[in-house]
Each structure stands twice: as structure tokens, then as C-alpha cells.
Amino acid sequence: MSGSVNKVILVGRLGRDPEVKYTPSGAPVAKFSVATDEVFKDRSGEQQKHTEWHNIVAWNKLAEICGQYLTKGKQVYIEGSIRSRQWEDQAGNKRTSYEIIASRMQMLGSRADTERAAVAPSPVAERTSVPSAEHASFDRPPAPEPPAESPEITDEDVPF
């Protein structure tokens, strides 16, 4: 079988409120970070905790929903794919960063958590309503957002 799979599933907490901006063509893009924790015992039997930070990028309607409903500390399920970006820093060194391009987001936690998040002040978006379901889910079409070679939206278009 020849084929490949690039699928990521994360359950973690938001490290910051999503930042929503728009490309020159008007497409919304949201960026935020999600922390996942791994607890394990080291060689001496001591319990250790490792936190991994993931950079998340959501596009279009999913970006707007993330900006409207997600806040720092909120537990969230993210499904998507890994993308790498290469660039040169100011010193001329080649750098690579990895992002999760979200295709699906589901808010986790209790309804009370969702309602508290709705009344928390946020500089990103005004909150006027909250999903009535305890676990609201918002999907985007399964096609990944624009590939790097797309003439419509390129890395240069992303306003971050």
C-alpha cells in the first residue's frame, strides 16, 4: 500500500486567546497555542511532568469560531495536520517551525466553563452567544487549507 497520513489529534488547554487576523484577500486566520501534558516516572521513580506547546492555525469559518469562543485556559480538542515552515532569521540561519493546521475543533469541559468563558473579557471578539450543547463541535470541510503553492494565500499573505 502506498499512501501517507498526516493527522494530529490533541486534547489540551489554550495557552492564550486566539489572535484572529485577515489575509489581504479577506480570509480569516486564527493562531493560538495549546499545551498538552505528559506525566511519567523517571528512573528514580519520581513523578515528572512534561508540557508540550503546539502552535495551532485555523482558517475561514473555523478561525472565526475559535476567535469567538475560545479563551486562555479552555480545554479543547483539535484535529488537523502538521505543517512545517522554513525561513531565515535575521542572522541568516535557516529556521523551521511546525504548526497544526486545524480542520476540527471541539470545546471540552462543562457547560459552566463555557458560560464563564462567554462572559470573560476578550480583546479578540465580542461574545454574544454560546453554543447550547455541553460539548459544541465545529467542523470545517476536510480539505486542508491552502497548500503553500496556492496562489490565493501564501505565507507572505498571513498577517502574523
N, C-alpha and C. Protein backbone atom coordinates (compact mmCIF):
# COMPACT_ATOMS: atom_id res chain seq x y z
N MET A 1 0.84 -1.18 0.00
CA MET A 1 0.00 0.00 0.00
C MET A 1 0.88 1.24 0.00
N SER A 2 0.67 2.07 -0.96
CA SER A 2 1.45 3.31 -0.97
C SER A 2 0.49 4.46 -0.69
N GLY A 3 0.80 5.18 0.33
CA GLY A 3 -0.03 6.31 0.74
C GLY A 3 0.57 6.90 2.00
N SER A 4 0.01 7.95 2.45
CA SER A 4 0.52 8.57 3.66
C SER A 4 -0.63 9.21 4.42
N VAL A 5 -0.39 9.43 5.70
CA VAL A 5 -1.38 10.06 6.56
C VAL A 5 -0.69 11.14 7.36
N ASN A 6 -1.28 12.30 7.41
CA ASN A 6 -0.78 13.40 8.23
C ASN A 6 -1.98 13.87 9.05
N LYS A 7 -2.17 13.24 10.21
CA LYS A 7 -3.32 13.56 11.06
C LYS A 7 -2.84 13.70 12.49
N VAL A 8 -3.30 14.76 13.13
CA VAL A 8 -2.94 15.06 14.51
C VAL A 8 -4.22 15.22 15.32
N ILE A 9 -4.24 14.64 16.51
CA ILE A 9 -5.33 14.83 17.45
C ILE A 9 -4.71 15.30 18.76
N LEU A 10 -5.17 16.44 19.25
CA LEU A 10 -4.66 16.99 20.51
C LEU A 10 -5.83 17.29 21.44
N VAL A 11 -5.62 17.04 22.72
CA VAL A 11 -6.54 17.50 23.75
C VAL A 11 -5.67 18.23 24.76
N GLY A 12 -5.92 19.51 24.92
CA GLY A 12 -5.10 20.31 25.82
C GLY A 12 -5.80 21.60 26.19
N ARG A 13 -5.03 22.50 26.79
CA ARG A 13 -5.57 23.78 27.23
C ARG A 13 -4.93 24.91 26.44
N LEU A 14 -5.76 25.93 26.13
CA LEU A 14 -5.24 27.08 25.40
C LEU A 14 -4.25 27.86 26.25
N GLY A 15 -3.12 28.20 25.66
CA GLY A 15 -2.10 28.98 26.34
C GLY A 15 -2.36 30.48 26.23
N ARG A 16 -3.18 30.87 25.27
CA ARG A 16 -3.53 32.28 25.08
C ARG A 16 -4.80 32.35 24.26
N ASP A 17 -5.47 33.49 24.32
CA ASP A 17 -6.65 33.69 23.50
C ASP A 17 -6.24 33.65 22.02
N PRO A 18 -7.09 33.11 21.15
CA PRO A 18 -6.77 33.13 19.72
C PRO A 18 -6.61 34.56 19.21
N GLU A 19 -5.70 34.73 18.30
CA GLU A 19 -5.50 36.01 17.61
C GLU A 19 -6.03 35.84 16.19
N VAL A 20 -7.06 36.58 15.85
CA VAL A 20 -7.68 36.45 14.53
C VAL A 20 -7.28 37.65 13.69
N LYS A 21 -6.76 37.36 12.52
CA LYS A 21 -6.42 38.39 11.53
C LYS A 21 -6.98 37.96 10.19
N TYR A 22 -6.80 38.81 9.20
CA TYR A 22 -7.35 38.54 7.87
C TYR A 22 -6.25 38.69 6.82
N THR A 23 -6.26 37.78 5.85
CA THR A 23 -5.30 37.88 4.76
C THR A 23 -5.74 39.04 3.87
N PRO A 24 -4.86 39.49 2.97
CA PRO A 24 -5.25 40.57 2.05
C PRO A 24 -6.51 40.25 1.24
N SER A 25 -6.75 38.95 0.98
CA SER A 25 -7.95 38.58 0.23
C SER A 25 -9.18 38.46 1.13
N GLY A 26 -9.01 38.69 2.45
CA GLY A 26 -10.15 38.69 3.36
C GLY A 26 -10.40 37.39 4.10
N ALA A 27 -9.55 36.38 3.92
CA ALA A 27 -9.75 35.10 4.60
C ALA A 27 -9.33 35.22 6.07
N PRO A 28 -10.21 34.85 7.00
CA PRO A 28 -9.83 34.89 8.41
C PRO A 28 -8.85 33.77 8.76
N VAL A 29 -7.89 34.08 9.62
CA VAL A 29 -6.94 33.09 10.12
C VAL A 29 -6.74 33.34 11.61
N ALA A 30 -6.85 32.28 12.40
CA ALA A 30 -6.68 32.38 13.85
C ALA A 30 -5.44 31.60 14.25
N LYS A 31 -4.67 32.18 15.16
CA LYS A 31 -3.49 31.49 15.70
C LYS A 31 -3.60 31.48 17.21
N PHE A 32 -3.27 30.34 17.80
CA PHE A 32 -3.24 30.21 19.24
C PHE A 32 -2.38 29.00 19.61
N SER A 33 -2.08 28.87 20.88
CA SER A 33 -1.27 27.74 21.33
C SER A 33 -2.08 26.84 22.24
N VAL A 34 -1.76 25.56 22.20
CA VAL A 34 -2.39 24.56 23.06
C VAL A 34 -1.28 23.80 23.77
N ALA A 35 -1.44 23.61 25.07
CA ALA A 35 -0.48 22.86 25.87
C ALA A 35 -1.04 21.47 26.16
N THR A 36 -0.19 20.46 25.96
CA THR A 36 -0.53 19.09 26.35
C THR A 36 0.48 18.66 27.41
N ASP A 37 0.01 17.88 28.37
CA ASP A 37 0.87 17.42 29.46
C ASP A 37 1.05 15.91 29.41
N GLU A 38 2.25 15.47 29.73
CA GLU A 38 2.55 14.05 29.83
C GLU A 38 3.14 13.84 31.22
N VAL A 39 2.57 12.91 31.98
CA VAL A 39 3.07 12.61 33.31
C VAL A 39 3.70 11.22 33.27
N PHE A 40 4.90 11.09 33.82
CA PHE A 40 5.62 9.82 33.80
C PHE A 40 6.55 9.75 35.01
N LYS A 41 7.06 8.54 35.26
CA LYS A 41 8.03 8.36 36.34
C LYS A 41 9.41 8.25 35.74
N ASP A 42 10.36 8.98 36.34
CA ASP A 42 11.74 8.91 35.84
C ASP A 42 12.43 7.67 36.41
N ARG A 43 13.71 7.50 36.10
CA ARG A 43 14.45 6.30 36.53
C ARG A 43 14.49 6.11 38.03
N SER A 44 14.43 7.20 38.77
CA SER A 44 14.46 7.11 40.23
C SER A 44 13.06 6.92 40.82
N GLY A 45 12.04 6.82 39.97
CA GLY A 45 10.69 6.60 40.44
C GLY A 45 9.93 7.88 40.77
N GLU A 46 10.57 9.03 40.56
CA GLU A 46 9.93 10.31 40.82
C GLU A 46 8.97 10.65 39.68
N GLN A 47 7.81 11.18 40.05
CA GLN A 47 6.84 11.58 39.03
C GLN A 47 7.30 12.88 38.38
N GLN A 48 7.29 12.89 37.06
CA GLN A 48 7.69 14.06 36.27
C GLN A 48 6.53 14.47 35.37
N LYS A 49 6.53 15.73 35.00
CA LYS A 49 5.51 16.25 34.09
C LYS A 49 6.21 17.02 32.98
N HIS A 50 5.85 16.70 31.75
CA HIS A 50 6.41 17.40 30.60
C HIS A 50 5.25 18.08 29.86
N THR A 51 5.39 19.37 29.63
CA THR A 51 4.39 20.13 28.88
C THR A 51 4.94 20.42 27.50
N GLU A 52 4.14 20.10 26.50
CA GLU A 52 4.50 20.37 25.11
C GLU A 52 3.54 21.44 24.60
N TRP A 53 4.10 22.46 23.93
CA TRP A 53 3.29 23.54 23.37
C TRP A 53 3.14 23.34 21.88
N HIS A 54 1.92 23.50 21.38
CA HIS A 54 1.61 23.31 19.97
C HIS A 54 1.03 24.61 19.41
N ASN A 55 1.56 25.05 18.28
CA ASN A 55 1.04 26.24 17.60
C ASN A 55 -0.08 25.78 16.67
N ILE A 56 -1.25 26.37 16.84
CA ILE A 56 -2.43 25.99 16.08
C ILE A 56 -2.82 27.12 15.14
N VAL A 57 -3.18 26.76 13.90
CA VAL A 57 -3.66 27.73 12.92
C VAL A 57 -4.99 27.22 12.39
N ALA A 58 -6.01 28.07 12.43
CA ALA A 58 -7.33 27.73 11.89
C ALA A 58 -7.69 28.77 10.83
N TRP A 59 -8.40 28.33 9.81
CA TRP A 59 -8.75 29.20 8.69
C TRP A 59 -10.26 29.34 8.56
N ASN A 60 -10.67 30.38 7.91
CA ASN A 60 -12.04 30.63 7.46
C ASN A 60 -13.04 30.60 8.62
N LYS A 61 -14.17 29.91 8.45
CA LYS A 61 -15.22 29.91 9.47
C LYS A 61 -14.70 29.34 10.79
N LEU A 62 -13.87 28.30 10.73
CA LEU A 62 -13.31 27.73 11.95
C LEU A 62 -12.47 28.76 12.69
N ALA A 63 -11.75 29.60 11.98
CA ALA A 63 -10.95 30.67 12.60
C ALA A 63 -11.86 31.64 13.34
N GLU A 64 -12.96 32.03 12.71
CA GLU A 64 -13.89 32.97 13.35
C GLU A 64 -14.51 32.36 14.61
N ILE A 65 -14.87 31.09 14.55
CA ILE A 65 -15.47 30.41 15.70
C ILE A 65 -14.46 30.30 16.84
N CYS A 66 -13.22 29.95 16.51
CA CYS A 66 -12.17 29.87 17.53
C CYS A 66 -11.99 31.24 18.20
N GLY A 67 -11.95 32.28 17.41
CA GLY A 67 -11.79 33.63 17.95
C GLY A 67 -12.94 34.05 18.83
N GLN A 68 -14.14 33.59 18.50
CA GLN A 68 -15.32 33.99 19.25
C GLN A 68 -15.48 33.21 20.55
N TYR A 69 -15.17 31.92 20.56
CA TYR A 69 -15.50 31.08 21.71
C TYR A 69 -14.33 30.61 22.56
N LEU A 70 -13.13 30.58 22.03
CA LEU A 70 -12.01 30.04 22.80
C LEU A 70 -11.31 31.13 23.60
N THR A 71 -10.90 30.79 24.80
CA THR A 71 -10.16 31.71 25.66
C THR A 71 -9.04 30.94 26.36
N LYS A 72 -8.05 31.68 26.80
CA LYS A 72 -6.92 31.11 27.52
C LYS A 72 -7.40 30.21 28.65
N GLY A 73 -6.79 29.03 28.76
CA GLY A 73 -7.12 28.08 29.82
C GLY A 73 -8.21 27.10 29.45
N LYS A 74 -8.97 27.36 28.39
CA LYS A 74 -10.08 26.49 27.98
C LYS A 74 -9.54 25.17 27.45
N GLN A 75 -10.19 24.07 27.87
CA GLN A 75 -9.78 22.76 27.35
C GLN A 75 -10.43 22.55 25.99
N VAL A 76 -9.65 22.01 25.05
CA VAL A 76 -10.13 21.91 23.67
C VAL A 76 -9.57 20.66 23.00
N TYR A 77 -10.36 20.12 22.08
CA TYR A 77 -9.95 19.01 21.21
C TYR A 77 -9.67 19.64 19.85
N ILE A 78 -8.50 19.35 19.31
CA ILE A 78 -8.11 19.87 17.99
C ILE A 78 -7.73 18.68 17.11
N GLU A 79 -8.26 18.69 15.90
CA GLU A 79 -7.89 17.69 14.91
C GLU A 79 -7.36 18.44 13.70
N GLY A 80 -6.27 17.94 13.12
CA GLY A 80 -5.71 18.63 11.96
C GLY A 80 -4.51 17.90 11.41
N SER A 81 -3.61 18.66 10.79
CA SER A 81 -2.40 18.09 10.20
C SER A 81 -1.21 18.98 10.54
N ILE A 82 -0.02 18.39 10.48
CA ILE A 82 1.21 19.13 10.79
C ILE A 82 1.73 19.77 9.51
N ARG A 83 2.14 21.02 9.63
CA ARG A 83 2.80 21.73 8.52
C ARG A 83 4.10 22.32 9.04
N SER A 84 5.10 22.31 8.22
CA SER A 84 6.37 22.95 8.58
C SER A 84 6.55 24.18 7.71
N ARG A 85 7.20 25.18 8.29
CA ARG A 85 7.54 26.40 7.53
C ARG A 85 9.02 26.67 7.75
N GLN A 86 9.72 27.00 6.69
CA GLN A 86 11.14 27.33 6.77
C GLN A 86 11.33 28.80 6.45
N TRP A 87 12.31 29.41 7.12
CA TRP A 87 12.66 30.79 6.86
C TRP A 87 14.07 31.04 7.37
N GLU A 88 14.59 32.20 7.03
CA GLU A 88 15.91 32.60 7.53
C GLU A 88 15.71 33.69 8.57
N ASP A 89 16.39 33.54 9.71
CA ASP A 89 16.29 34.58 10.74
C ASP A 89 17.18 35.76 10.38
N GLN A 90 17.22 36.77 11.24
CA GLN A 90 17.97 37.98 10.94
C GLN A 90 19.46 37.72 10.79
N ALA A 91 19.97 36.67 11.43
CA ALA A 91 21.39 36.33 11.34
C ALA A 91 21.69 35.45 10.12
N GLY A 92 20.66 35.13 9.34
CA GLY A 92 20.85 34.31 8.15
C GLY A 92 20.79 32.81 8.41
N ASN A 93 20.43 32.40 9.63
CA ASN A 93 20.30 30.98 9.95
C ASN A 93 18.96 30.45 9.46
N LYS A 94 19.00 29.24 8.90
CA LYS A 94 17.75 28.62 8.46
C LYS A 94 17.00 28.10 9.68
N ARG A 95 15.72 28.42 9.74
CA ARG A 95 14.87 28.01 10.85
C ARG A 95 13.66 27.26 10.32
N THR A 96 13.12 26.38 11.16
CA THR A 96 11.91 25.64 10.83
C THR A 96 10.97 25.71 12.01
N SER A 97 9.70 25.95 11.73
CA SER A 97 8.68 25.88 12.77
C SER A 97 7.60 24.91 12.30
N TYR A 98 6.90 24.36 13.28
CA TYR A 98 5.84 23.39 12.99
C TYR A 98 4.53 23.93 13.56
N GLU A 99 3.48 23.78 12.77
CA GLU A 99 2.16 24.24 13.18
C GLU A 99 1.16 23.11 12.93
N ILE A 100 0.10 23.14 13.69
CA ILE A 100 -1.02 22.24 13.46
C ILE A 100 -2.08 23.05 12.72
N ILE A 101 -2.40 22.64 11.50
CA ILE A 101 -3.46 23.29 10.73
C ILE A 101 -4.76 22.59 11.13
N ALA A 102 -5.59 23.29 11.89
CA ALA A 102 -6.81 22.70 12.45
C ALA A 102 -7.86 22.50 11.37
N SER A 103 -8.47 21.32 11.38
CA SER A 103 -9.61 21.06 10.49
C SER A 103 -10.88 20.87 11.32
N ARG A 104 -10.70 20.62 12.62
CA ARG A 104 -11.85 20.42 13.51
C ARG A 104 -11.48 20.89 14.91
N MET A 105 -12.45 21.50 15.59
CA MET A 105 -12.25 21.95 16.96
C MET A 105 -13.49 21.58 17.76
N GLN A 106 -13.27 21.08 18.96
CA GLN A 106 -14.39 20.80 19.85
C GLN A 106 -14.05 21.35 21.22
N MET A 107 -14.93 22.18 21.76
CA MET A 107 -14.71 22.71 23.10
C MET A 107 -15.05 21.62 24.11
N LEU A 108 -14.20 21.47 25.12
CA LEU A 108 -14.42 20.46 26.15
C LEU A 108 -14.67 21.15 27.47
N GLY A 109 -15.07 20.39 28.45
CA GLY A 109 -15.34 20.97 29.76
C GLY A 109 -16.83 21.08 29.97
N SER A 110 -17.20 21.57 31.14
CA SER A 110 -18.61 21.65 31.50
C SER A 110 -19.28 22.85 30.85
N ARG A 111 -20.60 22.84 30.88
CA ARG A 111 -21.37 23.97 30.36
C ARG A 111 -21.04 25.23 31.16
N ALA A 112 -20.83 25.07 32.47
CA ALA A 112 -20.48 26.22 33.30
C ALA A 112 -19.16 26.84 32.84
N ASP A 113 -18.20 25.99 32.43
CA ASP A 113 -16.93 26.51 31.90
C ASP A 113 -17.19 27.33 30.65
N THR A 114 -18.05 26.83 29.77
CA THR A 114 -18.37 27.54 28.53
C THR A 114 -19.04 28.88 28.83
N GLU A 115 -19.98 28.87 29.79
CA GLU A 115 -20.67 30.12 30.13
C GLU A 115 -19.72 31.12 30.77
N ARG A 116 -18.80 30.64 31.63
CA ARG A 116 -17.80 31.54 32.23
C ARG A 116 -16.92 32.14 31.13
N ALA A 117 -16.54 31.31 30.17
CA ALA A 117 -15.70 31.81 29.07
C ALA A 117 -16.45 32.87 28.27
N ALA A 118 -17.76 32.73 28.15
CA ALA A 118 -18.54 33.67 27.35
C ALA A 118 -18.62 35.05 27.99
N VAL A 119 -18.53 35.12 29.30
CA VAL A 119 -18.61 36.43 29.94
C VAL A 119 -17.24 37.00 30.25
N ALA A 120 -16.18 36.21 30.02
CA ALA A 120 -14.82 36.72 30.26
C ALA A 120 -14.48 37.74 29.19
N PRO A 121 -13.86 38.85 29.57
CA PRO A 121 -13.49 39.85 28.56
C PRO A 121 -12.42 39.30 27.63
N SER A 122 -12.52 39.63 26.37
CA SER A 122 -11.53 39.20 25.39
C SER A 122 -11.29 40.30 24.38
N PRO A 123 -10.02 40.60 24.05
CA PRO A 123 -9.75 41.62 23.06
C PRO A 123 -9.99 41.12 21.65
N VAL A 124 -10.23 39.82 21.45
CA VAL A 124 -10.32 39.26 20.11
C VAL A 124 -11.69 39.44 19.49
N ALA A 125 -12.74 39.04 20.21
CA ALA A 125 -14.07 39.10 19.61
C ALA A 125 -15.11 39.32 20.69
N GLU A 126 -16.17 40.01 20.33
CA GLU A 126 -17.26 40.22 21.26
C GLU A 126 -18.09 38.95 21.31
N ARG A 127 -18.43 38.50 22.50
CA ARG A 127 -19.22 37.28 22.65
C ARG A 127 -20.68 37.66 22.86
N THR A 128 -21.53 37.19 21.98
CA THR A 128 -22.94 37.49 22.13
C THR A 128 -23.76 36.24 22.40
N SER A 129 -23.24 35.07 22.07
CA SER A 129 -23.96 33.83 22.34
C SER A 129 -22.96 32.71 22.56
N VAL A 130 -23.46 31.65 23.18
CA VAL A 130 -22.63 30.49 23.49
C VAL A 130 -23.37 29.28 22.98
N PRO A 131 -22.65 28.29 22.42
CA PRO A 131 -23.34 27.09 21.96
C PRO A 131 -24.14 26.46 23.10
N SER A 132 -25.32 25.94 22.80
CA SER A 132 -26.15 25.36 23.84
C SER A 132 -25.72 23.96 24.20
N ALA A 133 -25.02 23.27 23.34
CA ALA A 133 -24.56 21.92 23.63
C ALA A 133 -23.41 21.98 24.64
N GLU A 134 -23.37 20.98 25.52
CA GLU A 134 -22.29 20.95 26.51
C GLU A 134 -20.94 20.81 25.83
N HIS A 135 -20.89 20.03 24.79
CA HIS A 135 -19.65 19.87 24.03
C HIS A 135 -19.94 20.29 22.60
N ALA A 136 -19.72 21.55 22.30
CA ALA A 136 -20.00 22.06 20.96
C ALA A 136 -18.88 21.65 20.03
N SER A 137 -19.22 21.31 18.81
CA SER A 137 -18.23 20.89 17.83
C SER A 137 -18.42 21.69 16.56
N PHE A 138 -17.32 22.16 16.00
CA PHE A 138 -17.38 22.95 14.79
C PHE A 138 -16.42 22.32 13.79
N ASP A 139 -16.94 21.96 12.65
CA ASP A 139 -16.11 21.32 11.63
C ASP A 139 -15.94 22.26 10.46
N ARG A 140 -14.85 22.05 9.78
CA ARG A 140 -14.55 22.74 8.55
C ARG A 140 -14.51 21.66 7.49
N PRO A 141 -14.70 21.96 6.26
CA PRO A 141 -14.58 20.93 5.22
C PRO A 141 -13.23 20.23 5.34
N PRO A 142 -13.18 18.92 5.04
CA PRO A 142 -11.97 18.16 5.27
C PRO A 142 -10.76 18.59 4.45
N ALA A 143 -10.95 19.29 3.36
CA ALA A 143 -9.81 19.72 2.57
C ALA A 143 -8.93 20.65 3.39
N PRO A 144 -7.62 20.40 3.42
CA PRO A 144 -6.74 21.27 4.20
C PRO A 144 -6.72 22.66 3.60
N GLU A 145 -6.45 23.62 4.45
CA GLU A 145 -6.39 24.99 3.98
C GLU A 145 -5.20 25.15 3.06
N PRO A 146 -5.19 26.24 2.35
CA PRO A 146 -4.38 26.39 1.16
C PRO A 146 -2.98 25.81 1.28
N PRO A 147 -2.63 24.95 0.34
CA PRO A 147 -1.26 24.46 0.32
C PRO A 147 -0.31 25.61 0.02
N ALA A 148 0.95 25.44 0.38
CA ALA A 148 1.94 26.51 0.23
C ALA A 148 2.02 27.02 -1.21
N GLU A 149 1.76 26.13 -2.18
CA GLU A 149 1.88 26.56 -3.57
C GLU A 149 0.64 27.28 -4.09
N SER A 150 -0.39 27.41 -3.28
CA SER A 150 -1.62 28.06 -3.72
C SER A 150 -1.37 29.54 -4.02
N PRO A 151 -1.82 30.02 -5.17
CA PRO A 151 -1.62 31.43 -5.47
C PRO A 151 -2.54 32.33 -4.66
N GLU A 152 -3.62 31.77 -4.07
CA GLU A 152 -4.56 32.60 -3.34
C GLU A 152 -4.01 33.08 -2.00
N ILE A 153 -3.45 32.16 -1.20
CA ILE A 153 -2.93 32.53 0.12
C ILE A 153 -1.57 31.88 0.29
N THR A 154 -0.56 32.69 0.51
CA THR A 154 0.78 32.18 0.73
C THR A 154 1.25 32.62 2.10
N ASP A 155 2.43 32.14 2.54
CA ASP A 155 2.98 32.55 3.83
C ASP A 155 3.12 34.06 3.90
N GLU A 156 3.40 34.70 2.76
CA GLU A 156 3.55 36.15 2.75
C GLU A 156 2.22 36.86 3.04
N ASP A 157 1.09 36.17 2.71
CA ASP A 157 -0.22 36.75 2.94
C ASP A 157 -0.66 36.68 4.39
N VAL A 158 -0.12 35.71 5.15
CA VAL A 158 -0.55 35.53 6.53
C VAL A 158 -0.08 36.72 7.35
N PRO A 159 -1.00 37.41 8.01
CA PRO A 159 -0.66 38.67 8.68
C PRO A 159 -0.03 38.49 10.06
N PHE A 160 0.75 37.46 10.29
CA PHE A 160 1.41 37.23 11.58
C PHE A 160 2.90 37.31 11.43
